[in-house]
Amino acid sequence: MQIFLFLALLIAIALIFFALQNSALVTVTFLAFHFEGSLAFILVVVFASGVLSGILLAVPSFWRKSSALRDQRRKIKQLEESVAMNATSKAKGKGEAHSD
């Protein structure tokens, strides 16, 4: 836990130095929109939007895999119950055969 806090602190310090060294104003033009801000801020916004896009693109795959896993667990439970019932019925059958 402490290693993660230490790494987070190092990353935060690196980001602060990055922002201080890249404070020049730049203009971003996208279609009909113009935005002016510091280079560091624009890079952080672009990076965050890329991460968000990646997460949103991964969600359908996650849902499919989660659904498939749930179906497989249900099937395993049914098969285990079936095996248990078969073992019980065979045990009863052997017990009746030996009592003769």
PDB file of N, CA and C in Angstrom:
ATOM      1  N   MET A   1       0.824  -1.193   0.000  1.00  0.00           N
ATOM      2  CA  MET A   1       0.000   0.000   0.000  1.00  0.00           C
ATOM      3  C   MET A   1       0.866   1.255   0.000  1.00  0.00           C
ATOM      4  N   GLN A   2       1.923   1.233   0.790  1.00  0.00           N
ATOM      5  CA  GLN A   2       2.786   2.405   0.860  1.00  0.00           C
ATOM      6  C   GLN A   2       3.537   2.625  -0.441  1.00  0.00           C
ATOM      7  N   ILE A   3       3.849   1.544  -1.149  1.00  0.00           N
ATOM      8  CA  ILE A   3       4.559   1.684  -2.426  1.00  0.00           C
ATOM      9  C   ILE A   3       3.681   2.409  -3.446  1.00  0.00           C
ATOM     10  N   PHE A   4       2.364   2.133  -3.412  1.00  0.00           N
ATOM     11  CA  PHE A   4       1.450   2.801  -4.332  1.00  0.00           C
ATOM     12  C   PHE A   4       1.339   4.289  -4.009  1.00  0.00           C
ATOM     13  N   LEU A   5       1.303   4.621  -2.730  1.00  0.00           N
ATOM     14  CA  LEU A   5       1.260   6.033  -2.340  1.00  0.00           C
ATOM     15  C   LEU A   5       2.545   6.741  -2.756  1.00  0.00           C
ATOM     16  N   PHE A   6       3.664   6.059  -2.593  1.00  0.00           N
ATOM     17  CA  PHE A   6       4.942   6.628  -3.003  1.00  0.00           C
ATOM     18  C   PHE A   6       4.971   6.865  -4.512  1.00  0.00           C
ATOM     19  N   LEU A   7       4.511   5.879  -5.278  1.00  0.00           N
ATOM     20  CA  LEU A   7       4.471   6.034  -6.743  1.00  0.00           C
ATOM     21  C   LEU A   7       3.519   7.150  -7.157  1.00  0.00           C
ATOM     22  N   ALA A   8       2.381   7.252  -6.485  1.00  0.00           N
ATOM     23  CA  ALA A   8       1.424   8.318  -6.794  1.00  0.00           C
ATOM     24  C   ALA A   8       2.044   9.685  -6.507  1.00  0.00           C
ATOM     25  N   LEU A   9       2.780   9.778  -5.412  1.00  0.00           N
ATOM     26  CA  LEU A   9       3.449  11.029  -5.078  1.00  0.00           C
ATOM     27  C   LEU A   9       4.502  11.384  -6.131  1.00  0.00           C
ATOM     28  N   LEU A  10       5.278  10.398  -6.575  1.00  0.00           N
ATOM     29  CA  LEU A  10       6.282  10.646  -7.617  1.00  0.00           C
ATOM     30  C   LEU A  10       5.631  11.109  -8.922  1.00  0.00           C
ATOM     31  N   ILE A  11       4.524  10.471  -9.283  1.00  0.00           N
ATOM     32  CA  ILE A  11       3.819  10.860 -10.508  1.00  0.00           C
ATOM     33  C   ILE A  11       3.266  12.271 -10.379  1.00  0.00           C
ATOM     34  N   ALA A  12       2.710  12.594  -9.211  1.00  0.00           N
ATOM     35  CA  ALA A  12       2.171  13.940  -8.993  1.00  0.00           C
ATOM     36  C   ALA A  12       3.275  14.990  -9.093  1.00  0.00           C
ATOM     37  N   ILE A  13       4.427  14.700  -8.509  1.00  0.00           N
ATOM     38  CA  ILE A  13       5.551  15.644  -8.581  1.00  0.00           C
ATOM     39  C   ILE A  13       6.009  15.803 -10.024  1.00  0.00           C
ATOM     40  N   ALA A  14       6.092  14.696 -10.762  1.00  0.00           N
ATOM     41  CA  ALA A  14       6.499  14.762 -12.167  1.00  0.00           C
ATOM     42  C   ALA A  14       5.500  15.592 -12.976  1.00  0.00           C
ATOM     43  N   LEU A  15       4.210  15.420 -12.699  1.00  0.00           N
ATOM     44  CA  LEU A  15       3.195  16.205 -13.413  1.00  0.00           C
ATOM     45  C   LEU A  15       3.297  17.691 -13.090  1.00  0.00           C
ATOM     46  N   ILE A  16       3.603  18.012 -11.854  1.00  0.00           N
ATOM     47  CA  ILE A  16       3.764  19.421 -11.484  1.00  0.00           C
ATOM     48  C   ILE A  16       4.934  20.033 -12.242  1.00  0.00           C
ATOM     49  N   PHE A  17       6.076  19.318 -12.273  1.00  0.00           N
ATOM     50  CA  PHE A  17       7.222  19.824 -13.028  1.00  0.00           C
ATOM     51  C   PHE A  17       6.895  19.946 -14.514  1.00  0.00           C
ATOM     52  N   PHE A  18       6.177  18.969 -15.046  1.00  0.00           N
ATOM     53  CA  PHE A  18       5.770  19.012 -16.451  1.00  0.00           C
ATOM     54  C   PHE A  18       4.914  20.242 -16.722  1.00  0.00           C
ATOM     55  N   ALA A  19       3.929  20.487 -15.843  1.00  0.00           N
ATOM     56  CA  ALA A  19       3.036  21.634 -16.041  1.00  0.00           C
ATOM     57  C   ALA A  19       3.793  22.949 -15.939  1.00  0.00           C
ATOM     58  N   LEU A  20       4.754  23.036 -15.014  1.00  0.00           N
ATOM     59  CA  LEU A  20       5.514  24.281 -14.866  1.00  0.00           C
ATOM     60  C   LEU A  20       6.417  24.529 -16.062  1.00  0.00           C
ATOM     61  N   GLN A  21       6.964  23.474 -16.647  1.00  0.00           N
ATOM     62  CA  GLN A  21       7.889  23.647 -17.765  1.00  0.00           C
ATOM     63  C   GLN A  21       7.168  23.777 -19.104  1.00  0.00           C
ATOM     64  N   ASN A  22       5.889  23.446 -19.154  1.00  0.00           N
ATOM     65  CA  ASN A  22       5.129  23.519 -20.406  1.00  0.00           C
ATOM     66  C   ASN A  22       3.912  24.415 -20.246  1.00  0.00           C
ATOM     67  N   SER A  23       4.154  25.606 -19.760  1.00  0.00           N
ATOM     68  CA  SER A  23       3.043  26.523 -19.504  1.00  0.00           C
ATOM     69  C   SER A  23       2.783  27.474 -20.668  1.00  0.00           C
ATOM     70  N   ALA A  24       3.457  27.293 -21.780  1.00  0.00           N
ATOM     71  CA  ALA A  24       3.270  28.168 -22.939  1.00  0.00           C
ATOM     72  C   ALA A  24       1.847  28.047 -23.464  1.00  0.00           C
ATOM     73  N   LEU A  25       1.282  29.156 -23.889  1.00  0.00           N
ATOM     74  CA  LEU A  25      -0.063  29.140 -24.452  1.00  0.00           C
ATOM     75  C   LEU A  25      -0.036  28.618 -25.880  1.00  0.00           C
ATOM     76  N   VAL A  26      -0.959  27.717 -26.155  1.00  0.00           N
ATOM     77  CA  VAL A  26      -1.098  27.183 -27.509  1.00  0.00           C
ATOM     78  C   VAL A  26      -2.568  27.249 -27.889  1.00  0.00           C
ATOM     79  N   THR A  27      -2.816  27.255 -29.183  1.00  0.00           N
ATOM     80  CA  THR A  27      -4.186  27.277 -29.684  1.00  0.00           C
ATOM     81  C   THR A  27      -4.454  25.968 -30.394  1.00  0.00           C
ATOM     82  N   VAL A  28      -5.546  25.336 -30.021  1.00  0.00           N
ATOM     83  CA  VAL A  28      -5.959  24.088 -30.658  1.00  0.00           C
ATOM     84  C   VAL A  28      -7.185  24.389 -31.500  1.00  0.00           C
ATOM     85  N   THR A  29      -7.144  23.971 -32.758  1.00  0.00           N
ATOM     86  CA  THR A  29      -8.269  24.158 -33.659  1.00  0.00           C
ATOM     87  C   THR A  29      -8.787  22.788 -34.061  1.00  0.00           C
ATOM     88  N   PHE A  30     -10.074  22.576 -33.821  1.00  0.00           N
ATOM     89  CA  PHE A  30     -10.712  21.314 -34.191  1.00  0.00           C
ATOM     90  C   PHE A  30     -12.038  21.650 -34.827  1.00  0.00           C
ATOM     91  N   LEU A  31     -12.164  21.333 -36.116  1.00  0.00           N
ATOM     92  CA  LEU A  31     -13.330  21.694 -36.909  1.00  0.00           C
ATOM     93  C   LEU A  31     -13.547  23.190 -36.802  1.00  0.00           C
ATOM     94  N   ALA A  32     -14.651  23.634 -36.227  1.00  0.00           N
ATOM     95  CA  ALA A  32     -14.922  25.065 -36.138  1.00  0.00           C
ATOM     96  C   ALA A  32     -14.599  25.609 -34.750  1.00  0.00           C
ATOM     97  N   PHE A  33     -14.025  24.784 -33.889  1.00  0.00           N
ATOM     98  CA  PHE A  33     -13.754  25.196 -32.513  1.00  0.00           C
ATOM     99  C   PHE A  33     -12.299  25.613 -32.359  1.00  0.00           C
ATOM    100  N   HIS A  34     -12.081  26.653 -31.589  1.00  0.00           N
ATOM    101  CA  HIS A  34     -10.739  27.125 -31.267  1.00  0.00           C
ATOM    102  C   HIS A  34     -10.638  27.193 -29.745  1.00  0.00           C
ATOM    103  N   PHE A  35      -9.572  26.609 -29.231  1.00  0.00           N
ATOM    104  CA  PHE A  35      -9.372  26.623 -27.793  1.00  0.00           C
ATOM    105  C   PHE A  35      -7.945  27.033 -27.508  1.00  0.00           C
ATOM    106  N   GLU A  36      -7.777  27.950 -26.580  1.00  0.00           N
ATOM    107  CA  GLU A  36      -6.440  28.400 -26.212  1.00  0.00           C
ATOM    108  C   GLU A  36      -6.209  28.069 -24.744  1.00  0.00           C
ATOM    109  N   GLY A  37      -5.069  27.462 -24.458  1.00  0.00           N
ATOM    110  CA  GLY A  37      -4.719  27.112 -23.083  1.00  0.00           C
ATOM    111  C   GLY A  37      -3.269  26.714 -22.995  1.00  0.00           C
ATOM    112  N   SER A  38      -2.848  26.390 -21.806  1.00  0.00           N
ATOM    113  CA  SER A  38      -1.440  25.989 -21.640  1.00  0.00           C
ATOM    114  C   SER A  38      -1.232  24.617 -22.277  1.00  0.00           C
ATOM    115  N   LEU A  39      -0.031  24.407 -22.726  1.00  0.00           N
ATOM    116  CA  LEU A  39       0.305  23.139 -23.380  1.00  0.00           C
ATOM    117  C   LEU A  39       0.073  21.959 -22.444  1.00  0.00           C
ATOM    118  N   ALA A  40       0.464  22.108 -21.193  1.00  0.00           N
ATOM    119  CA  ALA A  40       0.306  21.022 -20.224  1.00  0.00           C
ATOM    120  C   ALA A  40      -1.169  20.683 -20.039  1.00  0.00           C
ATOM    121  N   PHE A  41      -2.017  21.696 -19.899  1.00  0.00           N
ATOM    122  CA  PHE A  41      -3.445  21.449 -19.706  1.00  0.00           C
ATOM    123  C   PHE A  41      -4.058  20.750 -20.920  1.00  0.00           C
ATOM    124  N   ILE A  42      -3.706  21.207 -22.088  1.00  0.00           N
ATOM    125  CA  ILE A  42      -4.249  20.605 -23.308  1.00  0.00           C
ATOM    126  C   ILE A  42      -3.788  19.151 -23.438  1.00  0.00           C
ATOM    127  N   LEU A  43      -2.526  18.875 -23.124  1.00  0.00           N
ATOM    128  CA  LEU A  43      -2.036  17.498 -23.179  1.00  0.00           C
ATOM    129  C   LEU A  43      -2.749  16.600 -22.173  1.00  0.00           C
ATOM    130  N   VAL A  44      -3.002  17.118 -20.984  1.00  0.00           N
ATOM    131  CA  VAL A  44      -3.718  16.335 -19.966  1.00  0.00           C
ATOM    132  C   VAL A  44      -5.148  16.061 -20.424  1.00  0.00           C
ATOM    133  N   VAL A  45      -5.810  17.053 -20.996  1.00  0.00           N
ATOM    134  CA  VAL A  45      -7.181  16.873 -21.483  1.00  0.00           C
ATOM    135  C   VAL A  45      -7.217  15.849 -22.616  1.00  0.00           C
ATOM    136  N   VAL A  46      -6.285  15.927 -23.538  1.00  0.00           N
ATOM    137  CA  VAL A  46      -6.241  14.982 -24.654  1.00  0.00           C
ATOM    138  C   VAL A  46      -5.947  13.574 -24.146  1.00  0.00           C
ATOM    139  N   PHE A  47      -5.013  13.453 -23.198  1.00  0.00           N
ATOM    140  CA  PHE A  47      -4.702  12.149 -22.627  1.00  0.00           C
ATOM    141  C   PHE A  47      -5.921  11.562 -21.911  1.00  0.00           C
ATOM    142  N   ALA A  48      -6.588  12.383 -21.105  1.00  0.00           N
ATOM    143  CA  ALA A  48      -7.767  11.912 -20.367  1.00  0.00           C
ATOM    144  C   ALA A  48      -8.885  11.499 -21.321  1.00  0.00           C
ATOM    145  N   SER A  49      -9.077  12.239 -22.399  1.00  0.00           N
ATOM    146  CA  SER A  49     -10.120  11.867 -23.359  1.00  0.00           C
ATOM    147  C   SER A  49      -9.750  10.560 -24.075  1.00  0.00           C
ATOM    148  N   GLY A  50      -8.472  10.328 -24.306  1.00  0.00           N
ATOM    149  CA  GLY A  50      -8.038   9.058 -24.896  1.00  0.00           C
ATOM    150  C   GLY A  50      -8.272   7.890 -23.959  1.00  0.00           C
ATOM    151  N   VAL A  51      -7.976   8.076 -22.681  1.00  0.00           N
ATOM    152  CA  VAL A  51      -8.228   7.022 -21.691  1.00  0.00           C
ATOM    153  C   VAL A  51      -9.718   6.735 -21.609  1.00  0.00           C
ATOM    154  N   LEU A  52     -10.526   7.772 -21.556  1.00  0.00           N
ATOM    155  CA  LEU A  52     -11.976   7.604 -21.488  1.00  0.00           C
ATOM    156  C   LEU A  52     -12.507   6.889 -22.732  1.00  0.00           C
ATOM    157  N   SER A  53     -12.004   7.242 -23.890  1.00  0.00           N
ATOM    158  CA  SER A  53     -12.424   6.567 -25.125  1.00  0.00           C
ATOM    159  C   SER A  53     -12.055   5.089 -25.096  1.00  0.00           C
ATOM    160  N   GLY A  54     -10.857   4.783 -24.621  1.00  0.00           N
ATOM    161  CA  GLY A  54     -10.432   3.392 -24.521  1.00  0.00           C
ATOM    162  C   GLY A  54     -11.312   2.590 -23.570  1.00  0.00           C
ATOM    163  N   ILE A  55     -11.658   3.188 -22.450  1.00  0.00           N
ATOM    164  CA  ILE A  55     -12.532   2.510 -21.487  1.00  0.00           C
ATOM    165  C   ILE A  55     -13.903   2.267 -22.100  1.00  0.00           C
ATOM    166  N   LEU A  56     -14.446   3.288 -22.748  1.00  0.00           N
ATOM    167  CA  LEU A  56     -15.777   3.139 -23.356  1.00  0.00           C
ATOM    168  C   LEU A  56     -15.779   2.097 -24.469  1.00  0.00           C
ATOM    169  N   LEU A  57     -14.686   1.984 -25.194  1.00  0.00           N
ATOM    170  CA  LEU A  57     -14.601   0.963 -26.236  1.00  0.00           C
ATOM    171  C   LEU A  57     -14.449  -0.436 -25.654  1.00  0.00           C
ATOM    172  N   ALA A  58     -13.892  -0.548 -24.455  1.00  0.00           N
ATOM    173  CA  ALA A  58     -13.682  -1.857 -23.829  1.00  0.00           C
ATOM    174  C   ALA A  58     -14.925  -2.370 -23.104  1.00  0.00           C
ATOM    175  N   VAL A  59     -15.869  -1.497 -22.779  1.00  0.00           N
ATOM    176  CA  VAL A  59     -17.045  -1.896 -21.996  1.00  0.00           C
ATOM    177  C   VAL A  59     -17.870  -2.996 -22.681  1.00  0.00           C
ATOM    178  N   PRO A  60     -18.194  -2.911 -23.959  1.00  0.00           N
ATOM    179  CA  PRO A  60     -18.981  -3.994 -24.571  1.00  0.00           C
ATOM    180  C   PRO A  60     -18.283  -5.356 -24.486  1.00  0.00           C
ATOM    181  N   SER A  61     -16.988  -5.370 -24.685  1.00  0.00           N
ATOM    182  CA  SER A  61     -16.240  -6.623 -24.586  1.00  0.00           C
ATOM    183  C   SER A  61     -16.296  -7.155 -23.155  1.00  0.00           C
ATOM    184  N   PHE A  62     -16.164  -6.277 -22.189  1.00  0.00           N
ATOM    185  CA  PHE A  62     -16.246  -6.682 -20.785  1.00  0.00           C
ATOM    186  C   PHE A  62     -17.613  -7.280 -20.478  1.00  0.00           C
ATOM    187  N   TRP A  63     -18.673  -6.651 -20.974  1.00  0.00           N
ATOM    188  CA  TRP A  63     -20.028  -7.163 -20.731  1.00  0.00           C
ATOM    189  C   TRP A  63     -20.215  -8.540 -21.358  1.00  0.00           C
ATOM    190  N   ARG A  64     -19.724  -8.724 -22.586  1.00  0.00           N
ATOM    191  CA  ARG A  64     -19.845 -10.028 -23.243  1.00  0.00           C
ATOM    192  C   ARG A  64     -19.112 -11.105 -22.454  1.00  0.00           C
ATOM    193  N   LYS A  65     -17.894 -10.803 -22.036  1.00  0.00           N
ATOM    194  CA  LYS A  65     -17.118 -11.789 -21.286  1.00  0.00           C
ATOM    195  C   LYS A  65     -17.750 -12.075 -19.938  1.00  0.00           C
ATOM    196  N   SER A  66     -18.294 -11.059 -19.307  1.00  0.00           N
ATOM    197  CA  SER A  66     -18.964 -11.245 -18.021  1.00  0.00           C
ATOM    198  C   SER A  66     -20.193 -12.122 -18.175  1.00  0.00           C
ATOM    199  N   SER A  67     -20.951 -11.901 -19.231  1.00  0.00           N
ATOM    200  CA  SER A  67     -22.140 -12.707 -19.500  1.00  0.00           C
ATOM    201  C   SER A  67     -21.759 -14.150 -19.790  1.00  0.00           C
ATOM    202  N   ALA A  68     -20.717 -14.349 -20.589  1.00  0.00           N
ATOM    203  CA  ALA A  68     -20.267 -15.703 -20.908  1.00  0.00           C
ATOM    204  C   ALA A  68     -19.774 -16.413 -19.647  1.00  0.00           C
ATOM    205  N   LEU A  69     -19.069 -15.712 -18.791  1.00  0.00           N
ATOM    206  CA  LEU A  69     -18.584 -16.303 -17.545  1.00  0.00           C
ATOM    207  C   LEU A  69     -19.757 -16.698 -16.650  1.00  0.00           C
ATOM    208  N   ARG A  70     -20.758 -15.844 -16.563  1.00  0.00           N
ATOM    209  CA  ARG A  70     -21.939 -16.149 -15.757  1.00  0.00           C
ATOM    210  C   ARG A  70     -22.648 -17.397 -16.298  1.00  0.00           C
ATOM    211  N   ASP A  71     -22.780 -17.500 -17.622  1.00  0.00           N
ATOM    212  CA  ASP A  71     -23.409 -18.679 -18.236  1.00  0.00           C
ATOM    213  C   ASP A  71     -22.583 -19.937 -17.957  1.00  0.00           C
ATOM    214  N   GLN A  72     -21.271 -19.834 -18.038  1.00  0.00           N
ATOM    215  CA  GLN A  72     -20.412 -20.994 -17.788  1.00  0.00           C
ATOM    216  C   GLN A  72     -20.492 -21.438 -16.327  1.00  0.00           C
ATOM    217  N   ARG A  73     -20.548 -20.489 -15.405  1.00  0.00           N
ATOM    218  CA  ARG A  73     -20.685 -20.849 -13.991  1.00  0.00           C
ATOM    219  C   ARG A  73     -22.026 -21.539 -13.730  1.00  0.00           C
ATOM    220  N   ARG A  74     -23.069 -21.060 -14.385  1.00  0.00           N
ATOM    221  CA  ARG A  74     -24.388 -21.689 -14.233  1.00  0.00           C
ATOM    222  C   ARG A  74     -24.359 -23.120 -14.778  1.00  0.00           C
ATOM    223  N   LYS A  75     -23.702 -23.308 -15.901  1.00  0.00           N
ATOM    224  CA  LYS A  75     -23.586 -24.638 -16.501  1.00  0.00           C
ATOM    225  C   LYS A  75     -22.769 -25.570 -15.599  1.00  0.00           C
ATOM    226  N   ILE A  76     -21.689 -25.060 -15.025  1.00  0.00           N
ATOM    227  CA  ILE A  76     -20.865 -25.865 -14.119  1.00  0.00           C
ATOM    228  C   ILE A  76     -21.693 -26.291 -12.911  1.00  0.00           C
ATOM    229  N   LYS A  77     -22.477 -25.383 -12.361  1.00  0.00           N
ATOM    230  CA  LYS A  77     -23.315 -25.715 -11.205  1.00  0.00           C
ATOM    231  C   LYS A  77     -24.322 -26.804 -11.567  1.00  0.00           C
ATOM    232  N   GLN A  78     -24.933 -26.690 -12.745  1.00  0.00           N
ATOM    233  CA  GLN A  78     -25.897 -27.706 -13.186  1.00  0.00           C
ATOM    234  C   GLN A  78     -25.205 -29.061 -13.353  1.00  0.00           C
ATOM    235  N   LEU A  79     -24.020 -29.070 -13.949  1.00  0.00           N
ATOM    236  CA  LEU A  79     -23.295 -30.316 -14.150  1.00  0.00           C
ATOM    237  C   LEU A  79     -22.865 -30.939 -12.814  1.00  0.00           C
ATOM    238  N   GLU A  80     -22.429 -30.086 -11.871  1.00  0.00           N
ATOM    239  CA  GLU A  80     -22.049 -30.606 -10.560  1.00  0.00           C
ATOM    240  C   GLU A  80     -23.254 -31.222  -9.845  1.00  0.00           C
ATOM    241  N   GLU A  81     -24.409 -30.569  -9.954  1.00  0.00           N
ATOM    242  CA  GLU A  81     -25.620 -31.121  -9.345  1.00  0.00           C
ATOM    243  C   GLU A  81     -26.004 -32.438 -10.007  1.00  0.00           C
ATOM    244  N   SER A  82     -25.848 -32.529 -11.311  1.00  0.00           N
ATOM    245  CA  SER A  82     -26.162 -33.744 -12.044  1.00  0.00           C
ATOM    246  C   SER A  82     -25.229 -34.884 -11.627  1.00  0.00           C
ATOM    247  N   VAL A  83     -23.944 -34.586 -11.498  1.00  0.00           N
ATOM    248  CA  VAL A  83     -22.975 -35.596 -11.067  1.00  0.00           C
ATOM    249  C   VAL A  83     -23.293 -36.052  -9.651  1.00  0.00           C
ATOM    250  N   ALA A  84     -23.643 -35.126  -8.780  1.00  0.00           N
ATOM    251  CA  ALA A  84     -23.970 -35.478  -7.395  1.00  0.00           C
ATOM    252  C   ALA A  84     -25.211 -36.367  -7.347  1.00  0.00           C
ATOM    253  N   MET A  85     -26.205 -36.057  -8.160  1.00  0.00           N
ATOM    254  CA  MET A  85     -27.428 -36.876  -8.190  1.00  0.00           C
ATOM    255  C   MET A  85     -27.116 -38.272  -8.724  1.00  0.00           C
ATOM    256  N   ASN A  86     -26.288 -38.359  -9.750  1.00  0.00           N
ATOM    257  CA  ASN A  86     -25.911 -39.666 -10.304  1.00  0.00           C
ATOM    258  C   ASN A  86     -25.126 -40.488  -9.294  1.00  0.00           C
ATOM    259  N   ALA A  87     -24.222 -39.857  -8.586  1.00  0.00           N
ATOM    260  CA  ALA A  87     -23.433 -40.569  -7.579  1.00  0.00           C
ATOM    261  C   ALA A  87     -24.328 -41.057  -6.452  1.00  0.00           C
ATOM    262  N   THR A  88     -25.309 -40.256  -6.061  1.00  0.00           N
ATOM    263  CA  THR A  88     -26.232 -40.645  -4.995  1.00  0.00           C
ATOM    264  C   THR A  88     -27.097 -41.808  -5.433  1.00  0.00           C
ATOM    265  N   SER A  89     -27.593 -41.739  -6.664  1.00  0.00           N
ATOM    266  CA  SER A  89     -28.459 -42.821  -7.145  1.00  0.00           C
ATOM    267  C   SER A  89     -27.673 -44.114  -7.333  1.00  0.00           C
ATOM    268  N   LYS A  90     -26.414 -44.035  -7.757  1.00  0.00           N
ATOM    269  CA  LYS A  90     -25.578 -45.235  -7.903  1.00  0.00           C
ATOM    270  C   LYS A  90     -25.260 -45.836  -6.539  1.00  0.00           C
ATOM    271  N   ALA A  91     -25.022 -44.977  -5.554  1.00  0.00           N
ATOM    272  CA  ALA A  91     -24.728 -45.458  -4.211  1.00  0.00           C
ATOM    273  C   ALA A  91     -25.939 -46.176  -3.630  1.00  0.00           C
ATOM    274  N   LYS A  92     -27.126 -45.656  -3.868  1.00  0.00           N
ATOM    275  CA  LYS A  92     -28.339 -46.284  -3.390  1.00  0.00           C
ATOM    276  C   LYS A  92     -28.545 -47.633  -4.096  1.00  0.00           C
ATOM    277  N   GLY A  93     -28.254 -47.650  -5.395  1.00  0.00           N
ATOM    278  CA  GLY A  93     -28.394 -48.877  -6.170  1.00  0.00           C
ATOM    279  C   GLY A  93     -27.455 -49.953  -5.681  1.00  0.00           C
ATOM    280  N   LYS A  94     -26.234 -49.620  -5.352  1.00  0.00           N
ATOM    281  CA  LYS A  94     -25.266 -50.594  -4.839  1.00  0.00           C
ATOM    282  C   LYS A  94     -25.673 -51.065  -3.451  1.00  0.00           C
ATOM    283  N   GLY A  95     -26.225 -50.166  -2.648  1.00  0.00           N
ATOM    284  CA  GLY A  95     -26.667 -50.537  -1.308  1.00  0.00           C
ATOM    285  C   GLY A  95     -27.809 -51.509  -1.347  1.00  0.00           C
ATOM    286  N   GLU A  96     -28.701 -51.370  -2.290  1.00  0.00           N
ATOM    287  CA  GLU A  96     -29.829 -52.288  -2.420  1.00  0.00           C
ATOM    288  C   GLU A  96     -29.354 -53.642  -2.943  1.00  0.00           C
ATOM    289  N   ALA A  97     -28.367 -53.641  -3.835  1.00  0.00           N
ATOM    290  CA  ALA A  97     -27.852 -54.897  -4.403  1.00  0.00           C
ATOM    291  C   ALA A  97     -27.132 -55.714  -3.343  1.00  0.00           C
ATOM    292  N   HIS A  98     -26.440 -55.087  -2.441  1.00  0.00           N
ATOM    293  CA  HIS A  98     -25.691 -55.796  -1.392  1.00  0.00           C
ATOM    294  C   HIS A  98     -26.610 -56.303  -0.289  1.00  0.00           C
ATOM    295  N   SER A  99     -27.772 -55.727  -0.128  1.00  0.00           N
ATOM    296  CA  SER A  99     -28.669 -56.161   0.945  1.00  0.00           C
ATOM    297  C   SER A  99     -29.387 -57.441   0.590  1.00  0.00           C
ATOM    298  N   ASP A 100     -29.338 -57.909  -0.657  1.00  0.00           N
ATOM    299  CA  ASP A 100     -30.004 -59.156  -1.062  1.00  0.00           C
ATOM    300  C   ASP A 100     -29.349 -60.350  -0.544  1.00  0.00           C
TER     301      ASP A 100
END
